[in-house]
Amino acid sequence: MNKRVGKQTIRTDSKPRIISTYSVVGPKEGEGPLKDYFDIILQDDLNGKDTFEKAESSMIYMAVTESIKKANLKENDINYLFAGDLLNQLTSSCFAAKDLDIPFVGLFGACSTMTESLALAAMTIDGGFANYVVAATSSHFSSAERQFRFPLEYGSQRAPTAQWTVTGSGAMVLGREGNYPYVSHITIGKVKDYGVNDVNNMGEAMAPAAVSTIAQHLMDIAREPSYYDLIVTGDLGKVGKEITMKLLLEEYGYDLKNNYIDCGDEIFDHERQGTNAGGSGCGCSAVVDCGFIYKNLIQGKLKRVLLVSTGALLSSTSCFQGLTIPGIAHAVAVET
């Protein structure tokens, strides 16, 4: 049976369930508006390690292992781990995976990796290739800063449009059965590049990809935005969020003012915490989706949610060469 719907969307027949989630955040995230929804708040962003990179890897290891425990499963019950992060060669995910007895698929979608891994996990289960799959990702403020921007010791001034990379990791365990929120549709996004080359304005660079994926999802399955209790983008921040809302209304006639939030806009109190345009990083949508969104689905406060993690596909090399910043966004519909 053909599961494709429209141009870019897939309908799942078996409705893969998200049977557990786990979220780990750093101290700054633990002081934000969503602090009560995270499973664990670290007291030290080094998490007892001697480098930030090792700390990030320990966070994703914790998120994966604890999500498996919450699902009342063991490592050898898990058929695949789909995970990725922002660092070169997926350092955090790979070093976590070496201590896990689970077949591993490393993914890079920049900050879109949470819905990328969730989409592939759901497709793997729906295709009959697995019974249990873990989807996970992570980011760390300090490891990302020194790879993509400046060493912290430099003390560089941050632009008003700049965002604060979230220190956090989230993991989801997907299975075949149970009364849990399930993945109903998946829309794989296209890479969009509107010529933005300001590395301090990720929201503007990623917004066109979010607009494209959201609009295509709604057109493919003939739904209005109001079908969803929430449409949730990943880490556009307040700048990218405003652009997304404006473009969806002007170009497609979709009005999202009543049911749209952005994880990067929600995770911090921007004025009090000095995060400028908001949060970013793979861990941004991961911890908000695994924490705030999932817990509200489980409690019945939300019934239909469209998760749209967004990623800026740049590297330190492309930045040094003066290239523009392509964006990507993947959408996953989660319903109860």
C-alpha atoms as a PDB file:
ATOM      1  CA  MET A   1       0.000   0.000   0.000  1.00  0.00           C
ATOM      2  CA  ASN A   2       1.323   3.440  -0.932  1.00  0.00           C
ATOM      3  CA  LYS A   3       1.821   5.499   2.211  1.00  0.00           C
ATOM      4  CA  ARG A   4       2.745   8.702   0.439  1.00  0.00           C
ATOM      5  CA  VAL A   5       0.304  11.584   0.686  1.00  0.00           C
ATOM      6  CA  GLY A   6       0.773  14.579  -1.589  1.00  0.00           C
ATOM      7  CA  LYS A   7       4.301  15.657  -2.541  1.00  0.00           C
ATOM      8  CA  GLN A   8       6.376  15.257   0.626  1.00  0.00           C
ATOM      9  CA  THR A   9       4.254  13.590   3.303  1.00  0.00           C
ATOM     10  CA  ILE A  10       4.024  10.022   4.577  1.00  0.00           C
ATOM     11  CA  ARG A  11       1.085   8.522   6.426  1.00  0.00           C
ATOM     12  CA  THR A  12       1.899   5.848   8.983  1.00  0.00           C
ATOM     13  CA  ASP A  13      -0.478   2.878   9.045  1.00  0.00           C
ATOM     14  CA  SER A  14       0.687   1.271  12.287  1.00  0.00           C
ATOM     15  CA  LYS A  15       0.808   4.579  14.198  1.00  0.00           C
ATOM     16  CA  PRO A  16       4.160   4.146  15.973  1.00  0.00           C
ATOM     17  CA  ARG A  17       3.818   5.121  19.621  1.00  0.00           C
ATOM     18  CA  ILE A  18       6.092   7.396  21.609  1.00  0.00           C
ATOM     19  CA  ILE A  19       6.110   5.300  24.768  1.00  0.00           C
ATOM     20  CA  SER A  20       8.550   7.351  26.824  1.00  0.00           C
ATOM     21  CA  THR A  21      10.736  10.459  26.721  1.00  0.00           C
ATOM     22  CA  TYR A  22      13.548  11.878  28.819  1.00  0.00           C
ATOM     23  CA  SER A  23      15.008  15.388  28.911  1.00  0.00           C
ATOM     24  CA  VAL A  24      18.259  16.649  30.429  1.00  0.00           C
ATOM     25  CA  VAL A  25      19.067  20.375  30.610  1.00  0.00           C
ATOM     26  CA  GLY A  26      21.782  22.625  31.942  1.00  0.00           C
ATOM     27  CA  PRO A  27      21.527  25.132  34.811  1.00  0.00           C
ATOM     28  CA  LYS A  28      20.505  28.098  32.630  1.00  0.00           C
ATOM     29  CA  GLU A  29      17.675  26.142  30.982  1.00  0.00           C
ATOM     30  CA  GLY A  30      16.643  25.002  34.455  1.00  0.00           C
ATOM     31  CA  GLU A  31      16.046  28.619  35.416  1.00  0.00           C
ATOM     32  CA  GLY A  32      13.734  29.257  32.460  1.00  0.00           C
ATOM     33  CA  PRO A  33       9.918  29.212  32.153  1.00  0.00           C
ATOM     34  CA  LEU A  34       9.741  25.468  31.335  1.00  0.00           C
ATOM     35  CA  LYS A  35      11.895  24.228  34.238  1.00  0.00           C
ATOM     36  CA  ASP A  36       9.112  22.112  35.749  1.00  0.00           C
ATOM     37  CA  TYR A  37       8.815  19.965  32.605  1.00  0.00           C
ATOM     38  CA  PHE A  38      12.393  18.672  32.391  1.00  0.00           C
ATOM     39  CA  ASP A  39      13.348  15.321  33.877  1.00  0.00           C
ATOM     40  CA  ILE A  40      16.694  16.451  35.239  1.00  0.00           C
ATOM     41  CA  ILE A  41      18.419  19.811  35.598  1.00  0.00           C
ATOM     42  CA  LEU A  42      22.200  19.611  35.867  1.00  0.00           C
ATOM     43  CA  GLN A  43      23.802  21.677  38.607  1.00  0.00           C
ATOM     44  CA  ASP A  44      27.002  21.995  36.578  1.00  0.00           C
ATOM     45  CA  ASP A  45      27.123  22.325  32.790  1.00  0.00           C
ATOM     46  CA  LEU A  46      30.304  20.218  32.791  1.00  0.00           C
ATOM     47  CA  ASN A  47      28.304  17.420  34.413  1.00  0.00           C
ATOM     48  CA  GLY A  48      31.406  16.306  36.302  1.00  0.00           C
ATOM     49  CA  LYS A  49      33.528  16.015  33.130  1.00  0.00           C
ATOM     50  CA  ASP A  50      36.701  17.887  32.221  1.00  0.00           C
ATOM     51  CA  THR A  51      35.492  19.225  28.840  1.00  0.00           C
ATOM     52  CA  PHE A  52      32.224  20.573  27.508  1.00  0.00           C
ATOM     53  CA  GLU A  53      32.274  18.031  24.668  1.00  0.00           C
ATOM     54  CA  LYS A  54      32.505  15.137  27.125  1.00  0.00           C
ATOM     55  CA  ALA A  55      29.702  16.724  29.136  1.00  0.00           C
ATOM     56  CA  GLU A  56      27.456  16.862  26.072  1.00  0.00           C
ATOM     57  CA  SER A  57      28.136  13.217  25.283  1.00  0.00           C
ATOM     58  CA  SER A  58      27.292  12.256  28.868  1.00  0.00           C
ATOM     59  CA  MET A  59      23.991  14.124  28.547  1.00  0.00           C
ATOM     60  CA  ILE A  60      22.863  12.222  25.470  1.00  0.00           C
ATOM     61  CA  TYR A  61      23.946   8.937  27.081  1.00  0.00           C
ATOM     62  CA  MET A  62      21.834   9.808  30.117  1.00  0.00           C
ATOM     63  CA  ALA A  63      18.809  10.797  28.018  1.00  0.00           C
ATOM     64  CA  VAL A  64      18.920   7.570  26.006  1.00  0.00           C
ATOM     65  CA  THR A  65      19.464   5.188  28.930  1.00  0.00           C
ATOM     66  CA  GLU A  66      16.899   6.863  31.170  1.00  0.00           C
ATOM     67  CA  SER A  67      14.255   6.966  28.424  1.00  0.00           C
ATOM     68  CA  ILE A  68      14.733   3.210  27.982  1.00  0.00           C
ATOM     69  CA  LYS A  69      14.303   2.658  31.723  1.00  0.00           C
ATOM     70  CA  LYS A  70      11.127   4.772  31.727  1.00  0.00           C
ATOM     71  CA  ALA A  71       9.761   2.541  28.960  1.00  0.00           C
ATOM     72  CA  ASN A  72      10.445  -0.520  31.186  1.00  0.00           C
ATOM     73  CA  LEU A  73      12.822  -1.868  28.546  1.00  0.00           C
ATOM     74  CA  LYS A  74      16.470  -2.851  28.388  1.00  0.00           C
ATOM     75  CA  GLU A  75      19.159  -1.844  25.939  1.00  0.00           C
ATOM     76  CA  ASN A  76      18.969  -5.154  24.095  1.00  0.00           C
ATOM     77  CA  ASP A  77      15.251  -4.560  23.475  1.00  0.00           C
ATOM     78  CA  ILE A  78      16.100  -1.533  21.315  1.00  0.00           C
ATOM     79  CA  ASN A  79      16.626  -2.337  17.638  1.00  0.00           C
ATOM     80  CA  TYR A  80      18.122   0.991  16.562  1.00  0.00           C
ATOM     81  CA  LEU A  81      19.334   4.294  17.944  1.00  0.00           C
ATOM     82  CA  PHE A  82      18.917   7.292  15.615  1.00  0.00           C
ATOM     83  CA  ALA A  83      20.841  10.264  16.991  1.00  0.00           C
ATOM     84  CA  GLY A  84      22.900  13.290  16.056  1.00  0.00           C
ATOM     85  CA  ASP A  85      24.273  16.591  17.308  1.00  0.00           C
ATOM     86  CA  LEU A  86      26.032  19.750  16.111  1.00  0.00           C
ATOM     87  CA  LEU A  87      29.670  18.841  16.625  1.00  0.00           C
ATOM     88  CA  ASN A  88      32.117  17.688  13.959  1.00  0.00           C
ATOM     89  CA  GLN A  89      31.578  14.036  12.996  1.00  0.00           C
ATOM     90  CA  LEU A  90      28.678  13.796  15.495  1.00  0.00           C
ATOM     91  CA  THR A  91      31.173  13.508  18.342  1.00  0.00           C
ATOM     92  CA  SER A  92      28.637  13.622  21.176  1.00  0.00           C
ATOM     93  CA  SER A  93      26.340  10.972  19.714  1.00  0.00           C
ATOM     94  CA  CYS A  94      29.129   8.657  18.575  1.00  0.00           C
ATOM     95  CA  PHE A  95      30.916   8.667  21.916  1.00  0.00           C
ATOM     96  CA  ALA A  96      27.616   8.012  23.707  1.00  0.00           C
ATOM     97  CA  ALA A  97      26.743   5.200  21.279  1.00  0.00           C
ATOM     98  CA  LYS A  98      30.043   3.388  21.904  1.00  0.00           C
ATOM     99  CA  ASP A  99      28.896   2.766  25.480  1.00  0.00           C
ATOM    100  CA  LEU A 100      25.461   1.505  24.394  1.00  0.00           C
ATOM    101  CA  ASP A 101      24.691  -2.003  23.170  1.00  0.00           C
ATOM    102  CA  ILE A 102      22.373  -0.696  20.422  1.00  0.00           C
ATOM    103  CA  PRO A 103      22.835  -0.559  16.603  1.00  0.00           C
ATOM    104  CA  PHE A 104      23.489   3.104  15.834  1.00  0.00           C
ATOM    105  CA  VAL A 105      22.618   5.389  12.916  1.00  0.00           C
ATOM    106  CA  GLY A 106      24.249   8.820  13.137  1.00  0.00           C
ATOM    107  CA  LEU A 107      22.276  11.741  11.703  1.00  0.00           C
ATOM    108  CA  PHE A 108      23.059  15.339  10.879  1.00  0.00           C
ATOM    109  CA  GLY A 109      20.233  17.762  10.351  1.00  0.00           C
ATOM    110  CA  ALA A 110      21.677  20.591  12.436  1.00  0.00           C
ATOM    111  CA  CYS A 111      18.952  21.792  14.797  1.00  0.00           C
ATOM    112  CA  SER A 112      16.300  19.828  12.863  1.00  0.00           C
ATOM    113  CA  THR A 113      17.779  16.546  14.129  1.00  0.00           C
ATOM    114  CA  MET A 114      15.063  15.821  16.720  1.00  0.00           C
ATOM    115  CA  THR A 115      12.261  15.546  14.171  1.00  0.00           C
ATOM    116  CA  GLU A 116      14.646  13.988  11.650  1.00  0.00           C
ATOM    117  CA  SER A 117      15.472  11.182  14.079  1.00  0.00           C
ATOM    118  CA  LEU A 118      11.838  10.898  15.203  1.00  0.00           C
ATOM    119  CA  ALA A 119      10.642  10.688  11.591  1.00  0.00           C
ATOM    120  CA  LEU A 120      13.129   7.964  10.660  1.00  0.00           C
ATOM    121  CA  ALA A 121      12.412   6.028  13.851  1.00  0.00           C
ATOM    122  CA  ALA A 122       8.675   6.080  13.127  1.00  0.00           C
ATOM    123  CA  MET A 123       9.209   5.080   9.487  1.00  0.00           C
ATOM    124  CA  THR A 124      11.445   2.197  10.548  1.00  0.00           C
ATOM    125  CA  ILE A 125       8.796   0.839  12.896  1.00  0.00           C
ATOM    126  CA  ASP A 126       5.950   1.452  10.447  1.00  0.00           C
ATOM    127  CA  GLY A 127       7.908  -0.381   7.756  1.00  0.00           C
ATOM    128  CA  GLY A 128       8.160  -3.463   9.956  1.00  0.00           C
ATOM    129  CA  PHE A 129      11.926  -3.201  10.422  1.00  0.00           C
ATOM    130  CA  ALA A 130      11.940  -2.718  14.202  1.00  0.00           C
ATOM    131  CA  ASN A 131       9.888  -3.118  17.356  1.00  0.00           C
ATOM    132  CA  TYR A 132      11.608  -0.443  19.451  1.00  0.00           C
ATOM    133  CA  VAL A 133      13.703   2.529  18.316  1.00  0.00           C
ATOM    134  CA  VAL A 134      15.216   5.452  20.223  1.00  0.00           C
ATOM    135  CA  ALA A 135      15.373   8.922  18.624  1.00  0.00           C
ATOM    136  CA  ALA A 136      17.670  11.414  20.330  1.00  0.00           C
ATOM    137  CA  THR A 137      19.817  14.511  19.987  1.00  0.00           C
ATOM    138  CA  SER A 138      21.809  17.011  22.025  1.00  0.00           C
ATOM    139  CA  SER A 139      23.581  20.362  22.025  1.00  0.00           C
ATOM    140  CA  HIS A 140      25.717  22.324  24.470  1.00  0.00           C
ATOM    141  CA  PHE A 141      26.178  26.069  24.614  1.00  0.00           C
ATOM    142  CA  SER A 142      29.901  26.010  25.271  1.00  0.00           C
ATOM    143  CA  SER A 143      30.856  23.259  22.819  1.00  0.00           C
ATOM    144  CA  ALA A 144      28.817  24.907  20.050  1.00  0.00           C
ATOM    145  CA  GLU A 145      30.223  28.375  20.754  1.00  0.00           C
ATOM    146  CA  ARG A 146      33.815  27.344  20.286  1.00  0.00           C
ATOM    147  CA  GLN A 147      33.088  25.305  17.176  1.00  0.00           C
ATOM    148  CA  PHE A 148      30.867  27.794  15.364  1.00  0.00           C
ATOM    149  CA  ARG A 149      31.584  31.220  16.874  1.00  0.00           C
ATOM    150  CA  PHE A 150      34.203  32.344  19.395  1.00  0.00           C
ATOM    151  CA  PRO A 151      35.877  30.764  22.417  1.00  0.00           C
ATOM    152  CA  LEU A 152      34.057  31.827  25.577  1.00  0.00           C
ATOM    153  CA  GLU A 153      37.242  33.449  26.862  1.00  0.00           C
ATOM    154  CA  TYR A 154      37.047  35.919  23.991  1.00  0.00           C
ATOM    155  CA  GLY A 155      34.008  37.596  25.567  1.00  0.00           C
ATOM    156  CA  SER A 156      32.509  38.683  22.247  1.00  0.00           C
ATOM    157  CA  GLN A 157      29.447  40.902  22.197  1.00  0.00           C
ATOM    158  CA  ARG A 158      26.265  39.205  21.013  1.00  0.00           C
ATOM    159  CA  ALA A 159      24.012  40.750  18.363  1.00  0.00           C
ATOM    160  CA  PRO A 160      20.324  41.382  19.212  1.00  0.00           C
ATOM    161  CA  THR A 161      19.321  38.713  16.672  1.00  0.00           C
ATOM    162  CA  ALA A 162      21.746  36.131  18.096  1.00  0.00           C
ATOM    163  CA  GLN A 163      20.411  33.062  19.898  1.00  0.00           C
ATOM    164  CA  TRP A 164      21.677  31.060  22.851  1.00  0.00           C
ATOM    165  CA  THR A 165      22.515  27.423  22.126  1.00  0.00           C
ATOM    166  CA  VAL A 166      20.577  25.232  24.551  1.00  0.00           C
ATOM    167  CA  THR A 167      22.552  22.908  26.800  1.00  0.00           C
ATOM    168  CA  GLY A 168      20.294  19.885  26.714  1.00  0.00           C
ATOM    169  CA  SER A 169      19.492  16.451  25.378  1.00  0.00           C
ATOM    170  CA  GLY A 170      16.226  14.710  24.672  1.00  0.00           C
ATOM    171  CA  ALA A 171      15.379  11.110  23.786  1.00  0.00           C
ATOM    172  CA  MET A 172      12.176   9.357  22.729  1.00  0.00           C
ATOM    173  CA  VAL A 173      11.484   5.615  22.754  1.00  0.00           C
ATOM    174  CA  LEU A 174       9.116   4.479  20.003  1.00  0.00           C
ATOM    175  CA  GLY A 175       7.250   1.187  19.983  1.00  0.00           C
ATOM    176  CA  ARG A 176       4.359  -0.570  18.326  1.00  0.00           C
ATOM    177  CA  GLU A 177       1.747  -0.852  21.067  1.00  0.00           C
ATOM    178  CA  GLY A 178       0.189   0.917  24.015  1.00  0.00           C
ATOM    179  CA  ASN A 179      -2.049   3.869  24.774  1.00  0.00           C
ATOM    180  CA  TYR A 180       0.532   6.560  24.009  1.00  0.00           C
ATOM    181  CA  PRO A 181       0.814   9.530  21.662  1.00  0.00           C
ATOM    182  CA  TYR A 182       1.488   8.267  18.151  1.00  0.00           C
ATOM    183  CA  VAL A 183       3.081   9.542  14.951  1.00  0.00           C
ATOM    184  CA  SER A 184       0.401   9.906  12.265  1.00  0.00           C
ATOM    185  CA  HIS A 185       2.161  11.824   9.463  1.00  0.00           C
ATOM    186  CA  ILE A 186       5.701  12.809   8.523  1.00  0.00           C
ATOM    187  CA  THR A 187       6.713  15.576   6.129  1.00  0.00           C
ATOM    188  CA  ILE A 188      10.348  15.565   5.064  1.00  0.00           C
ATOM    189  CA  GLY A 189      11.521  19.068   4.246  1.00  0.00           C
ATOM    190  CA  LYS A 190      13.515  20.560   1.379  1.00  0.00           C
ATOM    191  CA  VAL A 191      16.657  22.624   1.795  1.00  0.00           C
ATOM    192  CA  LYS A 192      15.880  26.330   1.371  1.00  0.00           C
ATOM    193  CA  ASP A 193      18.432  29.117   0.943  1.00  0.00           C
ATOM    194  CA  TYR A 194      17.237  32.710   0.666  1.00  0.00           C
ATOM    195  CA  GLY A 195      20.721  34.215   0.683  1.00  0.00           C
ATOM    196  CA  VAL A 196      21.113  34.971   4.403  1.00  0.00           C
ATOM    197  CA  ASN A 197      24.779  34.910   5.455  1.00  0.00           C
ATOM    198  CA  ASP A 198      24.607  36.477   8.925  1.00  0.00           C
ATOM    199  CA  VAL A 199      25.725  33.787  11.377  1.00  0.00           C
ATOM    200  CA  ASN A 200      24.212  35.872  14.159  1.00  0.00           C
ATOM    201  CA  ASN A 201      20.719  35.608  12.690  1.00  0.00           C
ATOM    202  CA  MET A 202      19.826  31.922  12.469  1.00  0.00           C
ATOM    203  CA  GLY A 203      16.107  32.638  12.782  1.00  0.00           C
ATOM    204  CA  GLU A 204      15.999  34.569   9.517  1.00  0.00           C
ATOM    205  CA  ALA A 205      18.033  31.857   7.754  1.00  0.00           C
ATOM    206  CA  MET A 206      15.797  28.987   8.900  1.00  0.00           C
ATOM    207  CA  ALA A 207      12.367  30.606   8.637  1.00  0.00           C
ATOM    208  CA  PRO A 208      11.874  29.923   4.885  1.00  0.00           C
ATOM    209  CA  ALA A 209      12.434  26.196   5.444  1.00  0.00           C
ATOM    210  CA  ALA A 210       9.893  26.176   8.276  1.00  0.00           C
ATOM    211  CA  VAL A 211       7.375  27.997   6.068  1.00  0.00           C
ATOM    212  CA  SER A 212       7.913  25.569   3.197  1.00  0.00           C
ATOM    213  CA  THR A 213       7.530  22.428   5.313  1.00  0.00           C
ATOM    214  CA  ILE A 214       4.518  23.618   7.304  1.00  0.00           C
ATOM    215  CA  ALA A 215       2.680  24.787   4.184  1.00  0.00           C
ATOM    216  CA  GLN A 216       3.476  21.591   2.273  1.00  0.00           C
ATOM    217  CA  HIS A 217       2.330  19.430   5.192  1.00  0.00           C
ATOM    218  CA  LEU A 218      -0.995  21.227   5.421  1.00  0.00           C
ATOM    219  CA  MET A 219      -1.536  21.087   1.659  1.00  0.00           C
ATOM    220  CA  ASP A 220      -0.521  17.430   1.358  1.00  0.00           C
ATOM    221  CA  ILE A 221      -3.063  16.207   3.903  1.00  0.00           C
ATOM    222  CA  ALA A 222      -5.665  18.918   3.285  1.00  0.00           C
ATOM    223  CA  ARG A 223      -5.710  20.292   6.803  1.00  0.00           C
ATOM    224  CA  GLU A 224      -6.065  23.782   8.175  1.00  0.00           C
ATOM    225  CA  PRO A 225      -3.650  24.995  10.888  1.00  0.00           C
ATOM    226  CA  SER A 226      -6.555  24.906  13.377  1.00  0.00           C
ATOM    227  CA  TYR A 227      -6.568  21.086  13.198  1.00  0.00           C
ATOM    228  CA  TYR A 228      -3.591  21.155  15.549  1.00  0.00           C
ATOM    229  CA  ASP A 229      -3.729  22.308  19.143  1.00  0.00           C
ATOM    230  CA  LEU A 230      -0.158  23.506  18.631  1.00  0.00           C
ATOM    231  CA  ILE A 231       2.231  23.906  15.731  1.00  0.00           C
ATOM    232  CA  VAL A 232       5.698  23.936  17.268  1.00  0.00           C
ATOM    233  CA  THR A 233       8.832  25.055  15.434  1.00  0.00           C
ATOM    234  CA  GLY A 234      12.250  24.196  16.778  1.00  0.00           C
ATOM    235  CA  ASP A 235      14.586  27.095  17.326  1.00  0.00           C
ATOM    236  CA  LEU A 236      13.645  30.064  15.212  1.00  0.00           C
ATOM    237  CA  GLY A 237      13.586  32.350  18.246  1.00  0.00           C
ATOM    238  CA  LYS A 238      11.474  35.464  18.349  1.00  0.00           C
ATOM    239  CA  VAL A 239      12.931  36.852  15.089  1.00  0.00           C
ATOM    240  CA  GLY A 240      12.423  33.717  12.997  1.00  0.00           C
ATOM    241  CA  LYS A 241       9.034  33.071  14.568  1.00  0.00           C
ATOM    242  CA  GLU A 242       7.728  36.466  13.461  1.00  0.00           C
ATOM    243  CA  ILE A 243       9.046  35.944   9.922  1.00  0.00           C
ATOM    244  CA  THR A 244       7.460  32.483   9.732  1.00  0.00           C
ATOM    245  CA  MET A 245       4.051  33.724  10.838  1.00  0.00           C
ATOM    246  CA  LYS A 246       4.185  36.613   8.385  1.00  0.00           C
ATOM    247  CA  LEU A 247       5.237  34.501   5.393  1.00  0.00           C
ATOM    248  CA  LEU A 248       2.704  31.731   6.068  1.00  0.00           C
ATOM    249  CA  LEU A 249      -0.086  34.297   6.169  1.00  0.00           C
ATOM    250  CA  GLU A 250       1.035  36.408   3.213  1.00  0.00           C
ATOM    251  CA  GLU A 251       2.112  33.593   0.865  1.00  0.00           C
ATOM    252  CA  TYR A 252      -0.295  30.788   1.792  1.00  0.00           C
ATOM    253  CA  GLY A 253      -3.125  32.371   3.763  1.00  0.00           C
ATOM    254  CA  TYR A 254      -2.380  30.277   6.884  1.00  0.00           C
ATOM    255  CA  ASP A 255      -3.007  32.203  10.097  1.00  0.00           C
ATOM    256  CA  LEU A 256      -1.068  30.715  13.020  1.00  0.00           C
ATOM    257  CA  LYS A 257      -1.527  33.443  15.599  1.00  0.00           C
ATOM    258  CA  ASN A 258      -3.685  31.299  17.915  1.00  0.00           C
ATOM    259  CA  ASN A 259      -1.821  27.958  17.971  1.00  0.00           C
ATOM    260  CA  TYR A 260       1.837  28.505  17.137  1.00  0.00           C
ATOM    261  CA  ILE A 261       4.853  28.500  19.447  1.00  0.00           C
ATOM    262  CA  ASP A 262       8.594  28.202  18.903  1.00  0.00           C
ATOM    263  CA  CYS A 263      10.774  26.191  21.282  1.00  0.00           C
ATOM    264  CA  GLY A 264      13.552  28.767  21.112  1.00  0.00           C
ATOM    265  CA  ASP A 265      11.099  31.496  22.031  1.00  0.00           C
ATOM    266  CA  GLU A 266       9.679  29.510  24.961  1.00  0.00           C
ATOM    267  CA  ILE A 267      12.661  27.951  26.731  1.00  0.00           C
ATOM    268  CA  PHE A 268      14.224  31.147  28.108  1.00  0.00           C
ATOM    269  CA  ASP A 269      13.019  34.384  29.658  1.00  0.00           C
ATOM    270  CA  HIS A 270      14.932  36.444  27.119  1.00  0.00           C
ATOM    271  CA  GLU A 271      15.038  39.728  29.038  1.00  0.00           C
ATOM    272  CA  ARG A 272      15.857  38.265  32.451  1.00  0.00           C
ATOM    273  CA  GLN A 273      18.289  35.625  31.196  1.00  0.00           C
ATOM    274  CA  GLY A 274      20.000  37.708  28.497  1.00  0.00           C
ATOM    275  CA  THR A 275      19.411  35.269  25.641  1.00  0.00           C
ATOM    276  CA  ASN A 276      18.662  37.960  23.048  1.00  0.00           C
ATOM    277  CA  ALA A 277      16.439  36.361  20.348  1.00  0.00           C
ATOM    278  CA  GLY A 278      15.976  33.068  22.244  1.00  0.00           C
ATOM    279  CA  GLY A 279      17.256  29.511  22.264  1.00  0.00           C
ATOM    280  CA  SER A 280      18.761  27.389  19.504  1.00  0.00           C
ATOM    281  CA  GLY A 281      20.656  24.129  19.021  1.00  0.00           C
ATOM    282  CA  CYS A 282      19.640  20.484  18.547  1.00  0.00           C
ATOM    283  CA  GLY A 283      18.779  20.266  22.228  1.00  0.00           C
ATOM    284  CA  CYS A 284      16.300  23.149  22.039  1.00  0.00           C
ATOM    285  CA  SER A 285      13.407  21.376  20.319  1.00  0.00           C
ATOM    286  CA  ALA A 286      14.544  18.058  21.828  1.00  0.00           C
ATOM    287  CA  VAL A 287      14.026  19.057  25.462  1.00  0.00           C
ATOM    288  CA  VAL A 288      10.888  21.118  24.816  1.00  0.00           C
ATOM    289  CA  ASP A 289       9.296  18.308  22.790  1.00  0.00           C
ATOM    290  CA  CYS A 290      10.382  15.570  25.219  1.00  0.00           C
ATOM    291  CA  GLY A 291       9.410  17.672  28.217  1.00  0.00           C
ATOM    292  CA  PHE A 292       6.703  20.296  27.818  1.00  0.00           C
ATOM    293  CA  ILE A 293       4.972  18.948  24.706  1.00  0.00           C
ATOM    294  CA  TYR A 294       5.032  15.230  25.539  1.00  0.00           C
ATOM    295  CA  LYS A 295       3.892  15.689  29.128  1.00  0.00           C
ATOM    296  CA  ASN A 296       0.948  17.816  27.989  1.00  0.00           C
ATOM    297  CA  LEU A 297       0.022  15.126  25.454  1.00  0.00           C
ATOM    298  CA  ILE A 298       0.155  12.432  28.131  1.00  0.00           C
ATOM    299  CA  GLN A 299      -1.996  14.552  30.457  1.00  0.00           C
ATOM    300  CA  GLY A 300      -4.576  15.131  27.724  1.00  0.00           C
ATOM    301  CA  LYS A 301      -4.043  18.897  27.641  1.00  0.00           C
ATOM    302  CA  LEU A 302      -2.913  18.545  24.027  1.00  0.00           C
ATOM    303  CA  LYS A 303      -4.335  16.071  21.509  1.00  0.00           C
ATOM    304  CA  ARG A 304      -2.802  17.019  18.157  1.00  0.00           C
ATOM    305  CA  VAL A 305       0.611  18.616  17.745  1.00  0.00           C
ATOM    306  CA  LEU A 306       2.772  19.301  14.694  1.00  0.00           C
ATOM    307  CA  LEU A 307       6.470  19.231  15.630  1.00  0.00           C
ATOM    308  CA  VAL A 308       8.674  21.110  13.147  1.00  0.00           C
ATOM    309  CA  SER A 309      12.350  21.165  14.159  1.00  0.00           C
ATOM    310  CA  THR A 310      14.384  23.645  12.107  1.00  0.00           C
ATOM    311  CA  GLY A 311      18.074  23.538  11.221  1.00  0.00           C
ATOM    312  CA  ALA A 312      20.690  25.883   9.776  1.00  0.00           C
ATOM    313  CA  LEU A 313      22.978  23.786   7.583  1.00  0.00           C
ATOM    314  CA  LEU A 314      26.172  25.756   8.014  1.00  0.00           C
ATOM    315  CA  SER A 315      29.646  24.776   9.149  1.00  0.00           C
ATOM    316  CA  SER A 316      32.681  26.702  10.317  1.00  0.00           C
ATOM    317  CA  THR A 317      34.207  26.066   6.882  1.00  0.00           C
ATOM    318  CA  SER A 318      31.220  27.442   4.962  1.00  0.00           C
ATOM    319  CA  CYS A 319      31.147  30.508   7.212  1.00  0.00           C
ATOM    320  CA  PHE A 320      34.839  31.231   6.628  1.00  0.00           C
ATOM    321  CA  GLN A 321      34.222  30.973   2.883  1.00  0.00           C
ATOM    322  CA  GLY A 322      31.427  33.542   3.092  1.00  0.00           C
ATOM    323  CA  LEU A 323      28.717  31.152   1.895  1.00  0.00           C
ATOM    324  CA  THR A 324      25.043  31.642   2.608  1.00  0.00           C
ATOM    325  CA  ILE A 325      23.171  29.587   5.198  1.00  0.00           C
ATOM    326  CA  PRO A 326      20.779  26.914   3.870  1.00  0.00           C
ATOM    327  CA  GLY A 327      17.907  25.838   6.131  1.00  0.00           C
ATOM    328  CA  ILE A 328      15.927  22.633   6.594  1.00  0.00           C
ATOM    329  CA  ALA A 329      12.801  21.686   8.536  1.00  0.00           C
ATOM    330  CA  HIS A 330      11.060  18.345   9.067  1.00  0.00           C
ATOM    331  CA  ALA A 331       7.525  17.979  10.401  1.00  0.00           C
ATOM    332  CA  VAL A 332       6.077  15.141  12.473  1.00  0.00           C
ATOM    333  CA  ALA A 333       2.391  15.048  13.447  1.00  0.00           C
ATOM    334  CA  VAL A 334       1.869  13.533  16.908  1.00  0.00           C
ATOM    335  CA  GLU A 335      -1.676  12.748  18.004  1.00  0.00           C
ATOM    336  CA  THR A 336      -3.543  10.970  20.810  1.00  0.00           C
END
